[in-house]
């Protein structure tokens, strides 16, 4: 049954309120639309807060994206029009800026592959978890017609497409109704969160929890940098934050990474006189990830002090000092310096994801001297610890 502009507009207003309450369209971000007739569309007016929309904030445009009522449509109207032209069954489009979609888009190069999830059956024509759904990621571009052309070129050669990401921006998805599009938003949000957790990406702030050495928490989790640095300094551990001098993508080479942090590296080098500096990276697809994780999971010491800076991703240090164990979830931008002979262990999770700069004062690097203690078994591993913070 054909629906009127007013009916579509009311549903778009409701969708905006729901997505805002879910934290998916902060400030004035996002835009929504619906197909009224084959050549007439309802779309949100530019610059309106999506959580406080009224019917007056939903305007009409023609098949070329031109206003039919004198109001100014969303700056991304051309992206909506492209989808409606390409997909005749699409009746509603929702674009939001959620943290999961935005973060995941910055961690991958050109696509996210969602595979073996039961929830993939939320999308049309998928009836088994044994499916690989590709979600393309396009570079952000303020030239919207040019971006629409890139999306069109991708869709021309790839099917099916149920949504796409714009890097550092957000998600576009659609459906045969607003209800269907909302279902796709919910499914993508869940799947993106799963992907981030698989990658070990830091969904939480850098966090410090102090435990008694019997495994019982002795403090609340700390997330403010000054508080974390202060507590770690008390046991001789240095903790800093660094900023890159230039943007880096996930595929940045060792040379590019070291150049981006050259000023900070030089200052640290002047202080300690390191013999070598390198960049190490590990991701969930590495064939030896399990063996590499096991390498330092038991309590040990190093004759040299351990200095590591996280360029991307995260890792969990456990520092055993006296009758306390300090668990430090380090993430992007964190530098940690652990004194020589500190008893500690390190976990990167079952699906490790990090890129780190390492600093060495000896040719042999860090050689683990294991204590033989099984204390690590009393504490949550990386995956358990991260899950407890969410």
Protein backbone atom coordinates (compact mmCIF):
# COMPACT_ATOMS: atom_id res chain seq x y z
CA UNK A 1 0.00 0.00 0.00
CA UNK A 2 1.26 3.44 -0.96
CA UNK A 3 2.24 5.66 1.96
CA UNK A 4 1.96 9.44 2.17
CA UNK A 5 4.76 11.90 2.84
CA UNK A 6 3.31 12.56 6.31
CA UNK A 7 3.38 8.86 7.18
CA UNK A 8 6.99 8.47 6.08
CA UNK A 9 7.96 11.68 7.86
CA UNK A 10 6.48 10.51 11.16
CA UNK A 11 8.40 7.25 10.93
CA UNK A 12 11.66 9.07 10.17
CA UNK A 13 11.12 11.32 13.18
CA UNK A 14 10.58 8.25 15.36
CA UNK A 15 13.69 6.55 13.94
CA UNK A 16 15.74 9.65 14.74
CA UNK A 17 14.59 9.69 18.35
CA UNK A 18 15.35 5.99 18.81
CA UNK A 19 18.80 6.18 17.22
CA UNK A 20 19.65 9.26 19.26
CA UNK A 21 18.63 7.52 22.48
CA UNK A 22 20.94 4.66 21.49
CA UNK A 23 23.84 7.11 21.07
CA UNK A 24 24.15 6.56 17.31
CA UNK A 25 23.50 10.11 16.04
CA UNK A 26 25.27 12.58 18.36
CA UNK A 27 24.90 16.34 17.85
CA UNK A 28 23.48 16.95 14.34
CA UNK A 29 25.15 13.93 12.72
CA UNK A 30 23.44 11.41 10.47
CA UNK A 31 20.69 11.65 7.89
CA UNK A 32 17.62 9.58 7.01
CA UNK A 33 15.35 9.24 4.01
CA UNK A 34 12.43 7.29 2.55
CA UNK A 35 11.07 6.65 -0.94
CA UNK A 36 7.59 8.20 -1.29
CA UNK A 37 7.16 7.50 -5.01
CA UNK A 38 9.65 6.28 -7.64
CA UNK A 39 10.83 9.86 -8.22
CA UNK A 40 10.06 11.62 -4.92
CA UNK A 41 11.81 11.16 -1.59
CA UNK A 42 11.52 12.35 2.01
CA UNK A 43 14.84 13.29 3.62
CA UNK A 44 16.05 15.08 6.72
CA UNK A 45 16.72 18.80 6.43
CA UNK A 46 20.38 19.78 6.71
CA UNK A 47 21.78 20.56 10.16
CA UNK A 48 18.89 19.29 12.27
CA UNK A 49 19.42 17.35 15.50
CA UNK A 50 18.16 13.85 14.76
CA UNK A 51 16.96 13.26 18.30
CA UNK A 52 14.63 16.29 18.19
CA UNK A 53 13.17 16.08 14.70
CA UNK A 54 9.66 17.21 13.84
CA UNK A 55 7.72 16.54 10.66
CA UNK A 56 8.74 20.04 9.50
CA UNK A 57 12.36 18.82 9.56
CA UNK A 58 11.62 16.20 6.90
CA UNK A 59 11.62 17.72 3.41
CA UNK A 60 11.03 16.37 -0.09
CA UNK A 61 13.44 16.06 -3.02
CA UNK A 62 13.12 14.80 -6.57
CA UNK A 63 15.07 12.01 -8.27
CA UNK A 64 17.94 14.42 -8.88
CA UNK A 65 18.16 15.35 -5.21
CA UNK A 66 16.71 18.83 -5.79
CA UNK A 67 14.47 20.42 -3.18
CA UNK A 68 10.75 20.38 -3.88
CA UNK A 69 9.75 22.67 -1.02
CA UNK A 70 12.52 25.28 -0.79
CA UNK A 71 14.33 23.77 2.19
CA UNK A 72 18.00 22.69 2.11
CA UNK A 73 18.43 18.90 2.13
CA UNK A 74 21.22 16.97 3.81
CA UNK A 75 24.64 17.55 2.29
CA UNK A 76 24.79 13.81 1.57
CA UNK A 77 21.56 13.64 -0.45
CA UNK A 78 23.47 12.36 -3.49
CA UNK A 79 24.45 9.23 -1.55
CA UNK A 80 20.78 8.51 -0.82
CA UNK A 81 19.77 9.08 -4.44
CA UNK A 82 22.50 6.72 -5.64
CA UNK A 83 21.17 3.92 -3.43
CA UNK A 84 17.57 4.44 -4.55
CA UNK A 85 18.63 4.37 -8.21
CA UNK A 86 20.74 1.26 -7.76
CA UNK A 87 18.35 -0.66 -5.47
CA UNK A 88 14.68 -0.42 -6.49
CA UNK A 89 13.58 -2.40 -3.41
CA UNK A 90 15.18 0.07 -0.99
CA UNK A 91 12.43 2.19 0.60
CA UNK A 92 14.35 3.68 3.55
CA UNK A 93 17.97 4.66 4.22
CA UNK A 94 19.54 5.33 7.61
CA UNK A 95 22.97 6.87 8.08
CA UNK A 96 24.42 7.10 11.56
CA UNK A 97 27.73 7.92 13.29
CA UNK A 98 28.07 5.27 15.99
CA UNK A 99 31.34 4.74 17.91
CA UNK A 100 31.61 1.12 16.72
CA UNK A 101 31.09 1.94 13.04
CA UNK A 102 33.41 4.94 13.19
CA UNK A 103 36.21 3.14 15.03
CA UNK A 104 36.06 -0.03 12.95
CA UNK A 105 36.18 2.01 9.74
CA UNK A 106 39.51 3.45 10.87
CA UNK A 107 41.04 0.08 11.73
CA UNK A 108 40.57 -1.53 8.31
CA UNK A 109 41.74 -0.58 4.85
CA UNK A 110 38.97 -1.14 2.32
CA UNK A 111 36.44 -3.60 3.74
CA UNK A 112 35.12 -5.44 6.77
CA UNK A 113 34.35 -9.13 6.26
CA UNK A 114 31.64 -10.47 8.58
CA UNK A 115 31.77 -14.27 8.62
CA UNK A 116 30.17 -17.14 10.54
CA UNK A 117 27.85 -15.05 12.68
CA UNK A 118 24.31 -16.30 13.34
CA UNK A 119 23.06 -12.70 13.23
CA UNK A 120 23.98 -12.43 9.55
CA UNK A 121 20.55 -13.96 8.97
CA UNK A 122 19.09 -10.55 9.89
CA UNK A 123 19.93 -9.45 6.33
CA UNK A 124 17.85 -10.30 3.23
CA UNK A 125 18.49 -13.60 1.46
CA UNK A 126 20.93 -14.90 4.10
CA UNK A 127 19.70 -18.10 5.73
CA UNK A 128 22.86 -19.55 7.27
CA UNK A 129 25.65 -18.45 9.56
CA UNK A 130 28.10 -19.95 7.06
CA UNK A 131 28.18 -16.71 5.12
CA UNK A 132 30.74 -14.01 4.37
CA UNK A 133 29.22 -10.55 4.14
CA UNK A 134 31.56 -7.89 2.79
CA UNK A 135 31.04 -4.34 4.01
CA UNK A 136 33.05 -1.91 1.86
CA UNK A 137 34.85 1.03 3.45
CA UNK A 138 35.17 4.20 1.38
CA UNK A 139 37.57 7.04 2.06
CA UNK A 140 35.81 10.09 3.44
CA UNK A 141 35.35 12.76 0.80
CA UNK A 142 33.72 16.16 1.10
CA UNK A 143 32.98 15.96 -2.64
CA UNK A 144 29.74 14.01 -2.21
CA UNK A 145 29.00 13.41 -5.93
CA UNK A 146 32.48 11.95 -6.28
CA UNK A 147 31.91 9.73 -3.25
CA UNK A 148 28.55 8.62 -4.70
CA UNK A 149 30.34 7.63 -7.90
CA UNK A 150 32.79 5.50 -5.92
CA UNK A 151 29.90 3.74 -4.17
CA UNK A 152 28.13 3.19 -7.49
CA UNK A 153 31.27 1.72 -9.06
CA UNK A 154 31.62 -0.72 -6.16
CA UNK A 155 27.97 -1.79 -6.26
CA UNK A 156 28.19 -2.29 -10.00
CA UNK A 157 30.70 -5.10 -9.49
CA UNK A 158 29.69 -6.47 -6.09
CA UNK A 159 26.46 -7.99 -4.84
CA UNK A 160 24.80 -8.14 -2.43
CA UNK A 161 25.62 -4.98 -0.49
CA UNK A 162 23.57 -4.35 2.64
CA UNK A 163 25.52 -1.40 3.95
CA UNK A 164 28.81 0.44 3.69
CA UNK A 165 31.15 2.43 5.90
CA UNK A 166 32.79 5.78 5.27
CA UNK A 167 36.17 5.95 6.98
CA UNK A 168 36.09 7.91 10.23
CA UNK A 169 32.48 8.82 9.50
CA UNK A 170 29.78 6.18 9.88
CA UNK A 171 27.47 3.60 8.34
CA UNK A 172 24.90 3.69 5.53
CA UNK A 173 22.33 0.91 5.48
CA UNK A 174 18.84 0.51 4.03
CA UNK A 175 15.80 -1.73 3.82
CA UNK A 176 12.43 -2.28 2.21
CA UNK A 177 10.91 -0.33 5.11
CA UNK A 178 12.12 1.85 7.96
CA UNK A 179 11.60 -1.11 10.29
CA UNK A 180 13.85 -3.25 8.09
CA UNK A 181 16.50 -0.52 7.93
CA UNK A 182 16.39 -0.18 11.73
CA UNK A 183 16.87 -3.95 12.05
CA UNK A 184 19.94 -3.70 9.83
CA UNK A 185 21.36 -0.86 11.96
CA UNK A 186 20.95 -3.01 15.08
CA UNK A 187 22.53 -6.05 13.43
CA UNK A 188 25.49 -4.09 12.08
CA UNK A 189 26.10 -2.49 15.48
CA UNK A 190 26.28 -5.90 17.17
CA UNK A 191 28.52 -7.35 14.46
CA UNK A 192 30.84 -4.35 14.43
CA UNK A 193 31.25 -4.60 18.20
CA UNK A 194 32.12 -8.29 17.81
CA UNK A 195 34.70 -7.45 15.16
CA UNK A 196 36.29 -4.80 17.36
CA UNK A 197 36.52 -7.24 20.25
CA UNK A 198 38.03 -9.90 17.97
CA UNK A 199 40.67 -7.43 16.87
CA UNK A 200 41.45 -6.59 20.47
CA UNK A 201 40.68 -2.99 19.65
CA UNK A 202 40.37 -0.85 22.73
CA UNK A 203 36.65 -0.28 23.30
CA UNK A 204 37.44 1.24 26.69
CA UNK A 205 39.81 3.87 27.90
CA UNK A 206 43.26 2.95 29.16
CA UNK A 207 42.52 1.29 32.49
CA UNK A 208 44.39 0.40 35.68
CA UNK A 209 43.06 -2.01 38.30
CA UNK A 210 45.05 -2.90 41.40
CA UNK A 211 44.57 -6.42 42.76
CA UNK A 212 45.81 -8.16 45.86
CA UNK A 213 48.22 -10.90 44.85
CA UNK A 214 45.53 -13.48 45.67
CA UNK A 215 43.50 -12.22 42.69
CA UNK A 216 41.03 -10.06 44.63
CA UNK A 217 40.51 -6.50 43.32
CA UNK A 218 41.91 -3.99 45.82
CA UNK A 219 40.72 -0.85 44.03
CA UNK A 220 38.19 0.49 41.59
CA UNK A 221 39.31 0.64 37.95
CA UNK A 222 41.06 3.92 37.15
CA UNK A 223 40.66 5.48 33.69
CA UNK A 224 41.97 9.04 34.16
CA UNK A 225 45.52 9.34 32.85
CA UNK A 226 46.91 11.40 35.78
CA UNK A 227 45.55 8.88 38.30
CA UNK A 228 47.00 5.94 36.38
CA UNK A 229 50.39 7.61 35.97
CA UNK A 230 50.51 8.53 39.66
CA UNK A 231 49.79 4.97 40.85
CA UNK A 232 52.30 3.44 38.43
CA UNK A 233 54.99 5.97 39.37
CA UNK A 234 54.71 4.74 42.94
CA UNK A 235 56.09 1.37 41.85
CA UNK A 236 58.72 2.90 39.55
CA UNK A 237 56.81 2.48 36.30
CA UNK A 238 56.82 5.43 33.91
CA UNK A 239 53.63 6.08 31.97
CA UNK A 240 53.24 8.70 29.24
CA UNK A 241 50.99 9.74 26.37
CA UNK A 242 52.39 10.52 22.92
CA UNK A 243 50.79 12.12 19.89
CA UNK A 244 51.76 11.42 16.28
CA UNK A 245 53.12 14.35 14.31
CA UNK A 246 51.23 13.18 11.21
CA UNK A 247 48.29 10.85 10.49
CA UNK A 248 49.08 7.15 10.14
CA UNK A 249 46.97 4.48 8.50
CA UNK A 250 46.84 0.90 9.72
CA UNK A 251 49.28 -0.22 7.00
CA UNK A 252 51.95 2.36 7.88
CA UNK A 253 55.51 1.03 7.50
CA UNK A 254 58.06 0.93 10.29
CA UNK A 255 59.77 3.98 8.77
CA UNK A 256 56.52 5.93 8.63
CA UNK A 257 55.70 5.07 12.25
CA UNK A 258 59.15 6.04 13.54
CA UNK A 259 59.08 9.28 11.56
CA UNK A 260 55.66 10.21 12.94
CA UNK A 261 56.91 9.83 16.53
CA UNK A 262 60.50 10.99 15.92
CA UNK A 263 60.41 13.92 18.35
CA UNK A 264 59.18 11.79 21.26
CA UNK A 265 61.54 8.93 20.38
CA UNK A 266 64.54 11.27 20.26
CA UNK A 267 63.74 12.70 23.70
CA UNK A 268 63.45 9.21 25.19
CA UNK A 269 66.66 8.15 23.44
CA UNK A 270 68.56 11.07 24.90
CA UNK A 271 67.46 9.96 28.35
CA UNK A 272 68.24 6.24 28.08
CA UNK A 273 70.59 5.74 25.11
CA UNK A 274 68.77 2.87 23.41
CA UNK A 275 70.80 0.62 21.11
CA UNK A 276 67.86 -0.12 18.83
CA UNK A 277 64.23 0.77 18.20
CA UNK A 278 61.79 -1.26 16.12
CA UNK A 279 58.09 -1.62 15.36
CA UNK A 280 56.23 -4.88 15.96
CA UNK A 281 52.68 -5.62 14.84
CA UNK A 282 50.30 -8.50 15.42
CA UNK A 283 46.76 -9.03 14.16
CA UNK A 284 44.02 -11.67 14.55
CA UNK A 285 44.94 -13.33 11.24
CA UNK A 286 48.53 -14.17 12.26
CA UNK A 287 49.02 -17.97 12.00
CA UNK A 288 51.27 -18.08 15.10
CA UNK A 289 49.19 -15.79 17.32
CA UNK A 290 48.48 -18.49 19.92
CA UNK A 291 52.15 -19.41 20.33
CA UNK A 292 53.19 -15.77 20.46
CA UNK A 293 50.58 -15.08 23.11
CA UNK A 294 51.86 -17.93 25.29
CA UNK A 295 55.42 -16.61 25.19
CA UNK A 296 55.03 -14.13 28.06
CA UNK A 297 51.80 -15.28 29.76
CA UNK A 298 53.64 -16.62 32.84
CA UNK A 299 55.31 -14.43 35.44
CA UNK A 300 58.86 -13.44 34.50
CA UNK A 301 61.46 -10.68 34.70
CA UNK A 302 63.87 -9.04 32.26
CA UNK A 303 67.42 -7.95 33.02
CA UNK A 304 66.70 -4.91 30.84
CA UNK A 305 63.83 -2.53 31.43
CA UNK A 306 60.88 -2.97 29.07
CA UNK A 307 59.69 0.08 27.15
CA UNK A 308 56.78 -0.17 24.78
CA UNK A 309 54.65 2.43 22.98
CA UNK A 310 51.28 1.45 21.50
CA UNK A 311 50.77 2.94 18.05
CA UNK A 312 47.54 0.97 17.56
CA UNK A 313 45.54 -1.67 19.38
CA UNK A 314 45.99 -2.77 22.96
CA UNK A 315 47.70 -5.10 25.41
CA UNK A 316 47.40 -5.95 29.10
CA UNK A 317 50.37 -5.80 31.48
CA UNK A 318 50.29 -7.41 34.93
CA UNK A 319 52.90 -5.86 37.25
CA UNK A 320 53.59 -7.79 40.47
CA UNK A 321 54.91 -5.38 43.10
CA UNK A 322 54.96 -6.47 46.75
CA UNK A 323 51.59 -7.95 47.67
CA UNK A 324 49.79 -6.19 44.79
CA UNK A 325 49.32 -6.85 41.08
CA UNK A 326 48.75 -3.81 38.86
CA UNK A 327 46.84 -4.64 35.67
CA UNK A 328 47.38 -1.96 33.03
CA UNK A 329 45.28 -2.05 29.86
CA UNK A 330 47.40 -0.02 27.44
CA UNK A 331 46.05 1.34 24.18
CA UNK A 332 46.81 3.70 21.36
CA UNK A 333 49.02 6.58 22.47
CA UNK A 334 50.27 4.92 25.68
CA UNK A 335 53.96 4.52 26.53
CA UNK A 336 54.88 2.25 29.43
CA UNK A 337 58.37 1.76 30.86
CA UNK A 338 58.77 -1.19 33.26
CA UNK A 339 61.96 -1.26 35.39
CA UNK A 340 64.43 -4.10 35.00
CA UNK A 341 63.78 -7.14 37.20
CA UNK A 342 60.10 -6.23 37.75
CA UNK A 343 58.05 -9.43 38.03
CA UNK A 344 55.27 -9.22 35.48
CA UNK A 345 53.47 -10.92 32.62
CA UNK A 346 51.69 -9.74 29.46
CA UNK A 347 48.56 -10.83 27.57
CA UNK A 348 47.38 -9.76 24.14
CA UNK A 349 44.16 -11.81 24.01
CA UNK A 350 42.97 -14.66 21.81
CA UNK A 351 42.66 -12.32 18.83
CA UNK A 352 45.58 -9.93 19.28
CA UNK A 353 45.67 -6.58 17.58
CA UNK A 354 48.42 -4.09 18.21
CA UNK A 355 51.26 -2.18 16.62
CA UNK A 356 53.95 -1.08 19.06
CA UNK A 357 57.34 0.62 19.13
CA UNK A 358 59.90 -1.28 21.20
CA UNK A 359 63.08 0.14 22.69
CA UNK A 360 66.19 -1.94 23.56
CA UNK A 361 69.41 -1.12 25.41
CA UNK A 362 70.95 -4.56 24.85
CA UNK A 363 71.54 -6.48 21.58
CA UNK A 364 69.58 -9.50 22.84
CA UNK A 365 66.42 -7.51 23.56
CA UNK A 366 64.05 -8.74 26.24
CA UNK A 367 64.97 -12.20 27.51
CA UNK A 368 62.38 -13.64 29.86
CA UNK A 369 63.59 -15.09 33.16
CA UNK A 370 60.59 -17.06 34.39
CA UNK A 371 59.92 -17.28 38.12
CA UNK A 372 58.06 -20.59 38.00
CA UNK A 373 55.12 -19.05 39.84
CA UNK A 374 51.58 -19.84 38.68
CA UNK A 375 50.21 -16.54 40.00
CA UNK A 376 48.98 -15.55 36.54
CA UNK A 377 46.29 -18.24 36.73
CA UNK A 378 44.58 -16.32 39.58
CA UNK A 379 43.85 -13.32 37.37
CA UNK A 380 41.49 -12.62 34.47
CA UNK A 381 43.15 -12.91 31.09
CA UNK A 382 42.95 -10.13 28.50
CA UNK A 383 39.57 -11.16 27.10
CA UNK A 384 38.02 -11.61 30.54
CA UNK A 385 39.43 -8.34 31.82
CA UNK A 386 38.15 -6.32 28.85
CA UNK A 387 34.74 -7.98 29.11
CA UNK A 388 34.54 -7.08 32.82
CA UNK A 389 35.02 -3.39 31.97
CA UNK A 390 32.23 -3.19 29.38
